[in-house]
Amino acid sequence: MTKLSSRFIIVFAALCCAILLPSQLSAQSIWLEAGHKRSFGLEVLKPNFKNEGDATFSSTSSGLVVFASLRLPVSGKILFVGELPFVHGSSETKSSFFNSSKSQNVFGNPYLGFEIADRAGAFTTEVGLRVPVTPEDKYLGVITGIYTEYDRFEAFLSDNLSVMTIANYRYRDQSGFALRLRGGPSLLIDTDKGSFDDDVELFIGYSAQAGYESEQFSILGGVSGRALLTEEGGNFGDRSVHQLGINASMGLGKVRPGVHFRLPLDEDLKEAIDSVLGVNLGVQF
């Protein structure tokens, strides 16, 4: 199969998923409350990296990831969604012979998309893209962002345009029991013409969450995952990464603060981080 025909099949498959999946992609975190109203959102994520060291040598890493998002209704059923990511990464090495430290501040790839709700509000569909503006030379910041927010690692990839469509179904009964199901493709297109790597990759993201949800208070827990579909070698476990998370938020009129906590379930993430703690704030205006 030629490279051109392989690319056509990947793009065609992504477009088919976009048409057939009945749904919501959210530029915001899957753990946040996202309504169909005009609002501003802020997320601050703090990774707990695995740091190594002993009496003679130590290496520590730290960071902070921030997502600022804006949701603006275009019509009764269509919503514009924009998001700007930012990451601060730092590392420090100490030994008997030398000490070194480094830090980087990086703006990631902004997200632009449209979200379309169905009449009942249980299903929504959003199609969007991330514009590649992350600098190539900010390796420390890029790695910090990817490990901290793997569910949205496209936000920090250099020289990659990402196009995504993800399905989301939400259910809540009178008792407050809530269920959220989510899944869909993310197409990565390498914009670096000098690269010898594959220029198109197709990922799929998915999650399932359950818990209690109301206007005053909500708590949800579940599992999220990402898998690479265009990799020929290895099994599904080798090509996927999963996380366990829990989120709680409180409604205070038009303001909704919250906290969330995540644990990696696969060795790919466990080797780098122990956990991620986040705080978030949504404001309707």
C-alpha atoms as a PDB file:
ATOM      1  CA  MET A   1       0.000   0.000   0.000  1.00  0.00           C
ATOM      2  CA  THR A   2       1.407   3.391  -0.986  1.00  0.00           C
ATOM      3  CA  LYS A   3       1.931   6.226   1.500  1.00  0.00           C
ATOM      4  CA  LEU A   4      -0.688   8.326  -0.322  1.00  0.00           C
ATOM      5  CA  SER A   5      -3.340   5.607  -0.185  1.00  0.00           C
ATOM      6  CA  SER A   6      -2.602   4.966   3.513  1.00  0.00           C
ATOM      7  CA  ARG A   7      -3.111   8.645   4.252  1.00  0.00           C
ATOM      8  CA  PHE A   8      -6.390   8.664   2.331  1.00  0.00           C
ATOM      9  CA  ILE A   9      -7.704   5.667   4.306  1.00  0.00           C
ATOM     10  CA  ILE A  10      -6.801   7.308   7.635  1.00  0.00           C
ATOM     11  CA  VAL A  11      -8.441  10.617   6.741  1.00  0.00           C
ATOM     12  CA  PHE A  12     -11.513   8.851   5.355  1.00  0.00           C
ATOM     13  CA  ALA A  13     -11.863   6.762   8.533  1.00  0.00           C
ATOM     14  CA  ALA A  14     -11.639   9.869  10.714  1.00  0.00           C
ATOM     15  CA  LEU A  15     -14.296  11.641   8.663  1.00  0.00           C
ATOM     16  CA  CYS A  16     -16.592   8.609   8.863  1.00  0.00           C
ATOM     17  CA  CYS A  17     -16.238   8.593  12.645  1.00  0.00           C
ATOM     18  CA  ALA A  18     -17.034  12.289  12.727  1.00  0.00           C
ATOM     19  CA  ILE A  19     -20.258  11.708  10.779  1.00  0.00           C
ATOM     20  CA  LEU A  20     -21.439   8.518  12.467  1.00  0.00           C
ATOM     21  CA  LEU A  21     -20.663   9.159  16.127  1.00  0.00           C
ATOM     22  CA  PRO A  22     -23.605  10.824  17.855  1.00  0.00           C
ATOM     23  CA  SER A  23     -21.855  13.106  20.339  1.00  0.00           C
ATOM     24  CA  GLN A  24     -19.503  15.779  22.260  1.00  0.00           C
ATOM     25  CA  LEU A  25     -15.875  16.548  22.166  1.00  0.00           C
ATOM     26  CA  SER A  26     -14.896  19.016  24.800  1.00  0.00           C
ATOM     27  CA  ALA A  27     -11.867  21.241  24.474  1.00  0.00           C
ATOM     28  CA  GLN A  28     -12.060  21.381  28.257  1.00  0.00           C
ATOM     29  CA  SER A  29     -11.094  18.513  30.501  1.00  0.00           C
ATOM     30  CA  ILE A  30     -13.414  15.518  30.493  1.00  0.00           C
ATOM     31  CA  TRP A  31     -13.671  15.936  34.273  1.00  0.00           C
ATOM     32  CA  LEU A  32     -15.251  19.394  34.166  1.00  0.00           C
ATOM     33  CA  GLU A  33     -18.865  20.506  33.960  1.00  0.00           C
ATOM     34  CA  ALA A  34     -19.499  21.911  30.465  1.00  0.00           C
ATOM     35  CA  GLY A  35     -22.937  23.380  29.781  1.00  0.00           C
ATOM     36  CA  HIS A  36     -24.376  24.973  26.665  1.00  0.00           C
ATOM     37  CA  LYS A  37     -24.116  28.511  28.045  1.00  0.00           C
ATOM     38  CA  ARG A  38     -21.728  31.427  27.676  1.00  0.00           C
ATOM     39  CA  SER A  39     -18.910  30.809  30.125  1.00  0.00           C
ATOM     40  CA  PHE A  40     -15.220  31.087  30.915  1.00  0.00           C
ATOM     41  CA  GLY A  41     -13.223  28.187  32.348  1.00  0.00           C
ATOM     42  CA  LEU A  42      -9.852  27.932  34.063  1.00  0.00           C
ATOM     43  CA  GLU A  43      -7.958  24.746  34.962  1.00  0.00           C
ATOM     44  CA  VAL A  44      -4.701  24.536  36.900  1.00  0.00           C
ATOM     45  CA  LEU A  45      -2.959  21.142  37.004  1.00  0.00           C
ATOM     46  CA  LYS A  46      -0.026  20.181  39.222  1.00  0.00           C
ATOM     47  CA  PRO A  47       1.853  16.956  38.321  1.00  0.00           C
ATOM     48  CA  ASN A  48       3.596  14.901  40.968  1.00  0.00           C
ATOM     49  CA  PHE A  49       6.662  13.644  39.072  1.00  0.00           C
ATOM     50  CA  LYS A  50       8.721  10.644  40.109  1.00  0.00           C
ATOM     51  CA  ASN A  51      12.016  12.128  41.261  1.00  0.00           C
ATOM     52  CA  GLU A  52      15.151  10.061  41.721  1.00  0.00           C
ATOM     53  CA  GLY A  53      18.114  10.634  43.960  1.00  0.00           C
ATOM     54  CA  ASP A  54      20.365   9.527  46.782  1.00  0.00           C
ATOM     55  CA  ALA A  55      23.023  11.046  49.017  1.00  0.00           C
ATOM     56  CA  THR A  56      25.323  11.888  46.084  1.00  0.00           C
ATOM     57  CA  PHE A  57      22.948  12.620  43.196  1.00  0.00           C
ATOM     58  CA  SER A  58      19.370  13.839  42.811  1.00  0.00           C
ATOM     59  CA  SER A  59      17.170  14.875  39.900  1.00  0.00           C
ATOM     60  CA  THR A  60      13.832  16.588  40.439  1.00  0.00           C
ATOM     61  CA  SER A  61      11.169  17.817  38.029  1.00  0.00           C
ATOM     62  CA  SER A  62       8.111  19.946  38.608  1.00  0.00           C
ATOM     63  CA  GLY A  63       5.590  21.891  36.601  1.00  0.00           C
ATOM     64  CA  LEU A  64       2.261  23.591  36.260  1.00  0.00           C
ATOM     65  CA  VAL A  65      -0.245  23.374  33.404  1.00  0.00           C
ATOM     66  CA  VAL A  66      -3.019  25.926  32.839  1.00  0.00           C
ATOM     67  CA  PHE A  67      -5.956  25.779  30.406  1.00  0.00           C
ATOM     68  CA  ALA A  68      -8.113  28.867  29.806  1.00  0.00           C
ATOM     69  CA  SER A  69     -11.293  28.217  27.810  1.00  0.00           C
ATOM     70  CA  LEU A  70     -14.162  30.256  26.407  1.00  0.00           C
ATOM     71  CA  ARG A  71     -17.626  28.982  25.384  1.00  0.00           C
ATOM     72  CA  LEU A  72     -19.897  31.285  23.367  1.00  0.00           C
ATOM     73  CA  PRO A  73     -23.354  30.337  22.005  1.00  0.00           C
ATOM     74  CA  VAL A  74     -23.683  31.001  18.275  1.00  0.00           C
ATOM     75  CA  SER A  75     -27.318  29.884  18.097  1.00  0.00           C
ATOM     76  CA  GLY A  76     -29.722  27.817  20.189  1.00  0.00           C
ATOM     77  CA  LYS A  77     -27.885  24.561  19.430  1.00  0.00           C
ATOM     78  CA  ILE A  78     -24.404  25.656  18.299  1.00  0.00           C
ATOM     79  CA  LEU A  79     -21.610  26.729  20.625  1.00  0.00           C
ATOM     80  CA  PHE A  80     -18.167  28.104  19.802  1.00  0.00           C
ATOM     81  CA  VAL A  81     -15.385  26.678  22.001  1.00  0.00           C
ATOM     82  CA  GLY A  82     -11.873  28.072  22.276  1.00  0.00           C
ATOM     83  CA  GLU A  83      -9.014  27.082  24.555  1.00  0.00           C
ATOM     84  CA  LEU A  84      -5.475  28.310  25.217  1.00  0.00           C
ATOM     85  CA  PRO A  85      -2.997  26.053  27.082  1.00  0.00           C
ATOM     86  CA  PHE A  86       0.066  27.166  29.012  1.00  0.00           C
ATOM     87  CA  VAL A  87       2.751  25.115  30.751  1.00  0.00           C
ATOM     88  CA  HIS A  88       5.619  25.855  33.119  1.00  0.00           C
ATOM     89  CA  GLY A  89       8.236  23.129  33.431  1.00  0.00           C
ATOM     90  CA  SER A  90      11.361  23.040  35.591  1.00  0.00           C
ATOM     91  CA  SER A  91      14.107  20.550  36.434  1.00  0.00           C
ATOM     92  CA  GLU A  92      17.012  20.549  38.869  1.00  0.00           C
ATOM     93  CA  THR A  93      20.009  18.257  39.159  1.00  0.00           C
ATOM     94  CA  LYS A  94      22.307  18.173  42.195  1.00  0.00           C
ATOM     95  CA  SER A  95      25.449  16.133  42.801  1.00  0.00           C
ATOM     96  CA  SER A  96      28.771  16.328  44.591  1.00  0.00           C
ATOM     97  CA  PHE A  97      30.359  17.742  41.434  1.00  0.00           C
ATOM     98  CA  PHE A  98      27.796  20.124  39.940  1.00  0.00           C
ATOM     99  CA  ASN A  99      24.361  21.681  40.260  1.00  0.00           C
ATOM    100  CA  SER A 100      22.142  22.685  37.354  1.00  0.00           C
ATOM    101  CA  SER A 101      18.605  23.933  36.931  1.00  0.00           C
ATOM    102  CA  LYS A 102      16.370  24.846  34.011  1.00  0.00           C
ATOM    103  CA  SER A 103      12.851  26.154  33.543  1.00  0.00           C
ATOM    104  CA  GLN A 104      10.621  26.955  30.568  1.00  0.00           C
ATOM    105  CA  ASN A 105       7.308  28.722  30.020  1.00  0.00           C
ATOM    106  CA  VAL A 106       5.399  27.673  26.904  1.00  0.00           C
ATOM    107  CA  PHE A 107       2.076  28.530  25.303  1.00  0.00           C
ATOM    108  CA  GLY A 108       0.627  25.400  23.740  1.00  0.00           C
ATOM    109  CA  ASN A 109      -1.522  24.819  20.655  1.00  0.00           C
ATOM    110  CA  PRO A 110      -4.828  26.742  20.876  1.00  0.00           C
ATOM    111  CA  TYR A 111      -8.078  24.888  20.238  1.00  0.00           C
ATOM    112  CA  LEU A 112     -10.912  26.200  18.034  1.00  0.00           C
ATOM    113  CA  GLY A 113     -14.142  24.288  17.520  1.00  0.00           C
ATOM    114  CA  PHE A 114     -17.914  24.188  17.366  1.00  0.00           C
ATOM    115  CA  GLU A 115     -20.225  22.135  19.561  1.00  0.00           C
ATOM    116  CA  ILE A 116     -23.697  21.119  18.350  1.00  0.00           C
ATOM    117  CA  ALA A 117     -26.315  19.907  20.839  1.00  0.00           C
ATOM    118  CA  ASP A 118     -29.300  17.712  20.054  1.00  0.00           C
ATOM    119  CA  ARG A 119     -32.826  18.744  21.004  1.00  0.00           C
ATOM    120  CA  ALA A 120     -32.879  16.723  24.241  1.00  0.00           C
ATOM    121  CA  GLY A 121     -29.367  17.710  25.293  1.00  0.00           C
ATOM    122  CA  ALA A 122     -28.170  14.154  25.990  1.00  0.00           C
ATOM    123  CA  PHE A 123     -25.932  14.049  22.905  1.00  0.00           C
ATOM    124  CA  THR A 124     -23.674  16.779  21.570  1.00  0.00           C
ATOM    125  CA  THR A 125     -21.252  16.844  18.652  1.00  0.00           C
ATOM    126  CA  GLU A 126     -18.139  18.981  18.440  1.00  0.00           C
ATOM    127  CA  VAL A 127     -15.583  19.186  15.678  1.00  0.00           C
ATOM    128  CA  GLY A 128     -12.429  21.203  16.212  1.00  0.00           C
ATOM    129  CA  LEU A 129      -8.708  21.546  15.624  1.00  0.00           C
ATOM    130  CA  ARG A 130      -5.530  22.604  17.388  1.00  0.00           C
ATOM    131  CA  VAL A 131      -3.271  25.038  15.549  1.00  0.00           C
ATOM    132  CA  PRO A 132       0.439  24.099  15.864  1.00  0.00           C
ATOM    133  CA  VAL A 133       2.199  27.056  17.524  1.00  0.00           C
ATOM    134  CA  THR A 134       4.213  25.250  20.249  1.00  0.00           C
ATOM    135  CA  PRO A 135       7.947  26.004  19.704  1.00  0.00           C
ATOM    136  CA  GLU A 136      10.219  23.108  18.777  1.00  0.00           C
ATOM    137  CA  ASP A 137      12.976  24.154  21.172  1.00  0.00           C
ATOM    138  CA  LYS A 138      10.833  24.064  24.344  1.00  0.00           C
ATOM    139  CA  TYR A 139      11.366  20.378  25.052  1.00  0.00           C
ATOM    140  CA  LEU A 140      11.102  20.617  28.846  1.00  0.00           C
ATOM    141  CA  GLY A 141       7.784  22.462  28.659  1.00  0.00           C
ATOM    142  CA  VAL A 142       6.404  20.100  26.008  1.00  0.00           C
ATOM    143  CA  ILE A 143       7.225  16.979  28.024  1.00  0.00           C
ATOM    144  CA  THR A 144       5.762  18.514  31.189  1.00  0.00           C
ATOM    145  CA  GLY A 145       2.510  19.322  29.388  1.00  0.00           C
ATOM    146  CA  ILE A 146       2.169  15.899  27.739  1.00  0.00           C
ATOM    147  CA  TYR A 147       2.744  13.918  30.941  1.00  0.00           C
ATOM    148  CA  THR A 148       0.477  16.189  32.978  1.00  0.00           C
ATOM    149  CA  GLU A 149      -2.494  16.174  30.577  1.00  0.00           C
ATOM    150  CA  TYR A 150      -2.172  13.080  28.398  1.00  0.00           C
ATOM    151  CA  ASP A 151      -5.888  13.160  27.540  1.00  0.00           C
ATOM    152  CA  ARG A 152      -5.105  16.373  25.615  1.00  0.00           C
ATOM    153  CA  PHE A 153      -1.464  15.828  24.666  1.00  0.00           C
ATOM    154  CA  GLU A 154      -2.178  17.403  21.249  1.00  0.00           C
ATOM    155  CA  ALA A 155      -2.171  20.734  23.083  1.00  0.00           C
ATOM    156  CA  PHE A 156       1.611  20.533  23.475  1.00  0.00           C
ATOM    157  CA  LEU A 157       2.905  18.756  20.368  1.00  0.00           C
ATOM    158  CA  SER A 158       5.203  20.817  18.146  1.00  0.00           C
ATOM    159  CA  ASP A 159       4.689  20.776  14.366  1.00  0.00           C
ATOM    160  CA  ASN A 160       1.431  18.823  14.526  1.00  0.00           C
ATOM    161  CA  LEU A 161      -1.981  19.983  13.365  1.00  0.00           C
ATOM    162  CA  SER A 162      -4.689  17.963  15.111  1.00  0.00           C
ATOM    163  CA  VAL A 163      -8.275  17.545  13.909  1.00  0.00           C
ATOM    164  CA  MET A 164     -10.729  15.885  16.277  1.00  0.00           C
ATOM    165  CA  THR A 165     -14.323  14.750  16.617  1.00  0.00           C
ATOM    166  CA  ILE A 166     -15.383  12.966  19.807  1.00  0.00           C
ATOM    167  CA  ALA A 167     -18.750  11.664  20.957  1.00  0.00           C
ATOM    168  CA  ASN A 168     -20.248  12.328  24.358  1.00  0.00           C
ATOM    169  CA  TYR A 169     -23.440  10.995  25.947  1.00  0.00           C
ATOM    170  CA  ARG A 170     -24.707  12.322  29.278  1.00  0.00           C
ATOM    171  CA  TYR A 171     -27.446  10.837  31.452  1.00  0.00           C
ATOM    172  CA  ARG A 172     -28.812  12.011  34.798  1.00  0.00           C
ATOM    173  CA  ASP A 173     -31.936  10.707  36.522  1.00  0.00           C
ATOM    174  CA  GLN A 174     -34.097  12.363  39.206  1.00  0.00           C
ATOM    175  CA  SER A 175     -32.055  10.867  42.032  1.00  0.00           C
ATOM    176  CA  GLY A 176     -28.916  12.603  40.745  1.00  0.00           C
ATOM    177  CA  PHE A 177     -27.210   9.480  39.392  1.00  0.00           C
ATOM    178  CA  ALA A 178     -25.074  10.595  36.451  1.00  0.00           C
ATOM    179  CA  LEU A 179     -23.368   8.702  33.641  1.00  0.00           C
ATOM    180  CA  ARG A 180     -21.011  10.083  31.000  1.00  0.00           C
ATOM    181  CA  LEU A 181     -19.694   8.081  28.031  1.00  0.00           C
ATOM    182  CA  ARG A 182     -17.230   9.481  25.555  1.00  0.00           C
ATOM    183  CA  GLY A 183     -15.154   8.451  22.544  1.00  0.00           C
ATOM    184  CA  GLY A 184     -13.849   9.537  19.172  1.00  0.00           C
ATOM    185  CA  PRO A 185     -10.862  10.066  16.869  1.00  0.00           C
ATOM    186  CA  SER A 186      -8.018  12.566  16.841  1.00  0.00           C
ATOM    187  CA  LEU A 187      -6.051  12.934  13.617  1.00  0.00           C
ATOM    188  CA  LEU A 188      -2.469  14.248  13.906  1.00  0.00           C
ATOM    189  CA  ILE A 189      -0.880  15.704  10.774  1.00  0.00           C
ATOM    190  CA  ASP A 190       2.856  16.381  10.883  1.00  0.00           C
ATOM    191  CA  THR A 191       3.512  19.871   9.503  1.00  0.00           C
ATOM    192  CA  ASP A 192       7.313  19.542   9.572  1.00  0.00           C
ATOM    193  CA  LYS A 193       8.214  18.761   5.952  1.00  0.00           C
ATOM    194  CA  GLY A 194      11.752  17.840   6.940  1.00  0.00           C
ATOM    195  CA  SER A 195      10.636  14.987   9.205  1.00  0.00           C
ATOM    196  CA  PHE A 196      11.165  11.349   8.195  1.00  0.00           C
ATOM    197  CA  ASP A 197       8.506  10.066  10.598  1.00  0.00           C
ATOM    198  CA  ASP A 198       4.965   9.089   9.612  1.00  0.00           C
ATOM    199  CA  ASP A 199       3.178  12.298   8.658  1.00  0.00           C
ATOM    200  CA  VAL A 200      -0.320  11.163   9.741  1.00  0.00           C
ATOM    201  CA  GLU A 201      -1.304   9.365  12.953  1.00  0.00           C
ATOM    202  CA  LEU A 202      -4.780   8.431  14.170  1.00  0.00           C
ATOM    203  CA  PHE A 203      -5.600   8.191  17.883  1.00  0.00           C
ATOM    204  CA  ILE A 204      -8.868   7.397  19.624  1.00  0.00           C
ATOM    205  CA  GLY A 205      -9.837   8.774  23.012  1.00  0.00           C
ATOM    206  CA  TYR A 206     -12.488   7.295  25.294  1.00  0.00           C
ATOM    207  CA  SER A 207     -13.770   7.514  28.853  1.00  0.00           C
ATOM    208  CA  ALA A 208     -16.560   6.361  31.159  1.00  0.00           C
ATOM    209  CA  GLN A 209     -17.624   8.182  34.330  1.00  0.00           C
ATOM    210  CA  ALA A 210     -20.364   7.697  36.898  1.00  0.00           C
ATOM    211  CA  GLY A 211     -21.423   9.413  40.111  1.00  0.00           C
ATOM    212  CA  TYR A 212     -23.781  11.996  41.550  1.00  0.00           C
ATOM    213  CA  GLU A 213     -24.604  15.262  39.803  1.00  0.00           C
ATOM    214  CA  SER A 214     -26.833  18.236  40.644  1.00  0.00           C
ATOM    215  CA  GLU A 215     -26.848  21.998  40.238  1.00  0.00           C
ATOM    216  CA  GLN A 216     -25.403  22.410  43.756  1.00  0.00           C
ATOM    217  CA  PHE A 217     -22.853  19.591  43.905  1.00  0.00           C
ATOM    218  CA  SER A 218     -21.341  16.832  41.783  1.00  0.00           C
ATOM    219  CA  ILE A 219     -18.815  14.047  42.218  1.00  0.00           C
ATOM    220  CA  LEU A 220     -17.762  11.757  39.381  1.00  0.00           C
ATOM    221  CA  GLY A 221     -15.188   9.002  39.055  1.00  0.00           C
ATOM    222  CA  GLY A 222     -14.065   6.910  36.129  1.00  0.00           C
ATOM    223  CA  VAL A 223     -11.431   5.871  33.611  1.00  0.00           C
ATOM    224  CA  SER A 224     -10.064   7.662  30.567  1.00  0.00           C
ATOM    225  CA  GLY A 225      -7.781   6.334  27.836  1.00  0.00           C
ATOM    226  CA  ARG A 226      -5.974   7.122  24.577  1.00  0.00           C
ATOM    227  CA  ALA A 227      -4.926   4.554  21.966  1.00  0.00           C
ATOM    228  CA  LEU A 228      -2.835   4.800  18.789  1.00  0.00           C
ATOM    229  CA  LEU A 229      -4.631   3.108  15.872  1.00  0.00           C
ATOM    230  CA  THR A 230      -2.048   3.541  13.121  1.00  0.00           C
ATOM    231  CA  GLU A 231       0.746   1.620  14.873  1.00  0.00           C
ATOM    232  CA  GLU A 232       1.315  -1.784  13.244  1.00  0.00           C
ATOM    233  CA  GLY A 233       3.394  -3.453  15.947  1.00  0.00           C
ATOM    234  CA  GLY A 234       2.380  -4.467  19.459  1.00  0.00           C
ATOM    235  CA  ASN A 235      -0.981  -5.230  21.012  1.00  0.00           C
ATOM    236  CA  PHE A 236      -3.653  -2.813  22.180  1.00  0.00           C
ATOM    237  CA  GLY A 237      -2.111  -2.584  25.644  1.00  0.00           C
ATOM    238  CA  ASP A 238       1.204  -1.489  24.153  1.00  0.00           C
ATOM    239  CA  ARG A 239      -0.485   1.276  22.145  1.00  0.00           C
ATOM    240  CA  SER A 240      -2.794   2.701  24.821  1.00  0.00           C
ATOM    241  CA  VAL A 241      -2.517   4.702  28.048  1.00  0.00           C
ATOM    242  CA  HIS A 242      -5.199   4.878  30.758  1.00  0.00           C
ATOM    243  CA  GLN A 243      -5.882   6.966  33.864  1.00  0.00           C
ATOM    244  CA  LEU A 244      -8.193   6.713  36.853  1.00  0.00           C
ATOM    245  CA  GLY A 245      -9.728   9.980  38.017  1.00  0.00           C
ATOM    246  CA  ILE A 246     -12.218  11.614  40.344  1.00  0.00           C
ATOM    247  CA  ASN A 247     -13.699  15.123  40.237  1.00  0.00           C
ATOM    248  CA  ALA A 248     -15.866  17.113  42.649  1.00  0.00           C
ATOM    249  CA  SER A 249     -17.419  20.540  42.068  1.00  0.00           C
ATOM    250  CA  MET A 250     -19.837  22.902  43.799  1.00  0.00           C
ATOM    251  CA  GLY A 251     -22.374  25.220  42.179  1.00  0.00           C
ATOM    252  CA  LEU A 252     -22.416  28.756  43.601  1.00  0.00           C
ATOM    253  CA  GLY A 253     -24.824  30.512  41.301  1.00  0.00           C
ATOM    254  CA  LYS A 254     -22.958  31.350  38.098  1.00  0.00           C
ATOM    255  CA  VAL A 255     -19.633  30.267  39.584  1.00  0.00           C
ATOM    256  CA  ARG A 256     -18.594  26.593  39.872  1.00  0.00           C
ATOM    257  CA  PRO A 257     -15.254  25.752  41.554  1.00  0.00           C
ATOM    258  CA  GLY A 258     -13.942  22.209  41.632  1.00  0.00           C
ATOM    259  CA  VAL A 259     -11.019  19.868  42.253  1.00  0.00           C
ATOM    260  CA  HIS A 260      -9.909  16.732  40.470  1.00  0.00           C
ATOM    261  CA  PHE A 261      -7.308  14.023  40.998  1.00  0.00           C
ATOM    262  CA  ARG A 262      -5.856  11.482  38.575  1.00  0.00           C
ATOM    263  CA  LEU A 263      -3.710   8.356  38.841  1.00  0.00           C
ATOM    264  CA  PRO A 264      -1.907   6.700  35.898  1.00  0.00           C
ATOM    265  CA  LEU A 265      -2.805   3.059  35.282  1.00  0.00           C
ATOM    266  CA  ASP A 266      -0.155   2.135  32.674  1.00  0.00           C
ATOM    267  CA  GLU A 267       3.601   1.908  33.028  1.00  0.00           C
ATOM    268  CA  ASP A 268       4.188   4.512  30.302  1.00  0.00           C
ATOM    269  CA  LEU A 269       2.822   7.191  32.624  1.00  0.00           C
ATOM    270  CA  LYS A 270       3.699   5.529  35.930  1.00  0.00           C
ATOM    271  CA  GLU A 271       7.399   5.729  35.095  1.00  0.00           C
ATOM    272  CA  ALA A 272       7.140   9.521  34.886  1.00  0.00           C
ATOM    273  CA  ILE A 273       4.432  10.679  37.334  1.00  0.00           C
ATOM    274  CA  ASP A 274       2.704   9.427  40.465  1.00  0.00           C
ATOM    275  CA  SER A 275      -0.429  11.564  40.180  1.00  0.00           C
ATOM    276  CA  VAL A 276      -1.952  14.841  38.979  1.00  0.00           C
ATOM    277  CA  LEU A 277      -3.895  17.244  41.213  1.00  0.00           C
ATOM    278  CA  GLY A 278      -6.018  19.972  39.684  1.00  0.00           C
ATOM    279  CA  VAL A 279      -8.313  22.842  40.616  1.00  0.00           C
ATOM    280  CA  ASN A 280     -10.790  24.421  38.214  1.00  0.00           C
ATOM    281  CA  LEU A 281     -13.255  27.240  37.974  1.00  0.00           C
ATOM    282  CA  GLY A 282     -16.191  27.826  35.643  1.00  0.00           C
ATOM    283  CA  VAL A 283     -17.906  31.222  35.406  1.00  0.00           C
ATOM    284  CA  GLN A 284     -21.083  31.995  33.426  1.00  0.00           C
ATOM    285  CA  PHE A 285     -21.487  35.550  32.195  1.00  0.00           C
END
